[in-house]
Amino acid sequence: MAQHNWRDLICPKCHQLKSTCTCSAEPSATSKSTVVRVGRETKGRRGKGVTTISDLPLDASGLAELAARLKQRLGTGGAVKDGRIEIQGDHRDRIILELEGLGYRVKRAGG
C-alpha cells in the first residue's frame, strides 16, 4: 500500500483538498476585451443600496459560485438576478479589489 504525501492532496493555490478545490472554476486568463462593470443601485429598494456586478463572462453556475465567494468574503447577503450579481450594501471598492485579484479587468460604473 503506497502512502500519499499530504502535499499531493492539497491544491497549492487555495490550500483546499483537490477534490473540493474551486481554482478550476476561476478564470485563468480572461479576455482582454471583457470588462466587468461594478456599480451601485438604489432604485426600487426603498433607498437601500446594492452593489451590482455585470458583464461577467460566466454561466449561471459560475455566477452563483462567484456570488457565494464574494458574499462570504464581504460578510453580507446578495443574489444573482438577470445575469448579474447584486451584493447588499456599498462594497464597490472591496469588490473591485477581489475581482482584480481573480484576474478580471474591472471598471467602476456610474458616479
Protein backbone atom coordinates (compact mmCIF):
# COMPACT_ATOMS: atom_id res chain seq x y z
CA MET A 1 0.00 0.00 0.00
CA ALA A 2 1.52 3.28 -1.12
CA GLN A 3 1.37 6.25 1.20
CA HIS A 4 0.41 9.64 -0.19
CA ASN A 5 2.16 12.82 0.71
CA TRP A 6 -0.34 15.40 2.02
CA ARG A 7 1.07 17.93 -0.47
CA ASP A 8 -0.22 15.75 -3.31
CA LEU A 9 -3.77 16.02 -1.96
CA ILE A 10 -3.87 19.80 -1.38
CA CYS A 11 -4.18 22.49 -4.05
CA PRO A 12 -1.16 24.85 -3.95
CA LYS A 13 -3.33 27.85 -4.90
CA CYS A 14 -6.27 27.73 -2.48
CA HIS A 15 -4.87 25.25 0.10
CA GLN A 16 -8.01 23.09 -0.03
CA LEU A 17 -8.31 19.42 -0.87
CA LYS A 18 -8.01 18.92 -4.62
CA SER A 19 -11.39 17.14 -4.61
CA THR A 20 -13.09 20.32 -3.26
CA CYS A 21 -10.81 22.86 -4.94
CA THR A 22 -12.54 25.74 -6.73
CA CYS A 23 -9.49 27.04 -8.57
CA SER A 24 -10.52 25.35 -11.80
CA ALA A 25 -13.74 27.42 -11.79
CA GLU A 26 -11.79 30.66 -11.57
CA PRO A 27 -10.86 32.40 -14.81
CA SER A 28 -7.27 31.59 -15.70
CA ALA A 29 -6.99 34.15 -18.49
CA THR A 30 -9.96 36.36 -19.15
CA SER A 31 -10.32 38.05 -22.48
CA LYS A 32 -8.64 41.44 -22.68
CA SER A 33 -11.79 42.85 -24.29
CA THR A 34 -14.03 41.68 -21.41
CA VAL A 35 -14.52 44.40 -18.82
CA VAL A 36 -16.55 43.65 -15.71
CA ARG A 37 -18.61 46.61 -14.50
CA VAL A 38 -19.19 47.31 -10.80
CA GLY A 39 -21.83 49.88 -9.86
CA ARG A 40 -24.38 50.84 -7.22
CA GLU A 41 -28.19 50.98 -7.44
CA THR A 42 -30.95 52.15 -5.14
CA LYS A 43 -33.96 52.15 -7.49
CA GLY A 44 -36.90 50.05 -6.30
CA ARG A 45 -35.28 49.25 -2.97
CA ARG A 46 -36.75 51.95 -0.75
CA GLY A 47 -33.41 53.78 -0.52
CA LYS A 48 -31.35 50.70 0.31
CA GLY A 49 -28.33 50.39 -1.95
CA VAL A 50 -26.88 47.31 -3.60
CA THR A 51 -23.60 46.86 -5.43
CA THR A 52 -24.12 45.36 -8.88
CA ILE A 53 -21.58 43.34 -10.85
CA SER A 54 -22.40 42.92 -14.53
CA ASP A 55 -20.84 41.81 -17.84
CA LEU A 56 -19.20 38.76 -16.24
CA PRO A 57 -18.11 36.10 -18.76
CA LEU A 58 -19.59 33.26 -16.65
CA ASP A 59 -22.52 30.87 -16.91
CA ALA A 60 -25.26 30.61 -14.27
CA SER A 61 -23.35 28.19 -12.05
CA GLY A 62 -20.18 30.31 -12.31
CA LEU A 63 -22.13 33.42 -11.31
CA ALA A 64 -23.61 31.59 -8.31
CA GLU A 65 -20.15 30.40 -7.19
CA LEU A 66 -18.61 33.85 -7.54
CA ALA A 67 -21.56 35.45 -5.73
CA ALA A 68 -21.22 32.99 -2.85
CA ARG A 69 -17.49 33.68 -2.64
CA LEU A 70 -17.97 37.47 -2.61
CA LYS A 71 -20.79 37.30 -0.06
CA GLN A 72 -18.63 35.21 2.24
CA ARG A 73 -15.60 37.50 1.85
CA LEU A 74 -17.69 40.63 2.48
CA GLY A 75 -19.90 39.18 5.22
CA THR A 76 -23.13 40.29 3.57
CA GLY A 77 -26.08 38.99 1.58
CA GLY A 78 -26.83 39.15 -2.08
CA ALA A 79 -28.30 37.38 -5.08
CA VAL A 80 -27.83 36.55 -8.75
CA LYS A 81 -30.54 38.22 -10.86
CA ASP A 82 -30.82 38.65 -14.63
CA GLY A 83 -27.26 37.50 -15.29
CA ARG A 84 -25.64 39.84 -12.81
CA ILE A 85 -24.65 39.71 -9.14
CA GLU A 86 -26.23 42.01 -6.55
CA ILE A 87 -24.47 42.40 -3.19
CA GLN A 88 -26.25 44.19 -0.36
CA GLY A 89 -24.64 47.49 0.65
CA ASP A 90 -21.99 49.68 -0.94
CA HIS A 91 -18.91 47.47 -1.30
CA ARG A 92 -17.64 48.70 -4.67
CA ASP A 93 -14.02 49.25 -3.66
CA ARG A 94 -13.64 45.86 -1.94
CA ILE A 95 -15.38 44.03 -4.79
CA ILE A 96 -13.12 45.70 -7.36
CA LEU A 97 -10.05 44.53 -5.42
CA GLU A 98 -11.43 40.98 -5.13
CA LEU A 99 -12.26 40.74 -8.85
CA GLU A 100 -8.90 42.15 -9.91
CA GLY A 101 -7.26 39.56 -7.66
CA LEU A 102 -9.15 36.87 -9.60
CA GLY A 103 -7.79 38.20 -12.90
CA TYR A 104 -10.73 40.25 -14.19
CA ARG A 105 -10.45 43.70 -15.78
CA VAL A 106 -12.82 45.85 -13.75
CA LYS A 107 -14.37 49.24 -14.44
CA ARG A 108 -16.38 51.29 -11.98
CA ALA A 109 -19.80 52.06 -13.47
CA GLY A 110 -21.82 55.11 -12.54
CA GLY A 111 -20.73 58.01 -10.36
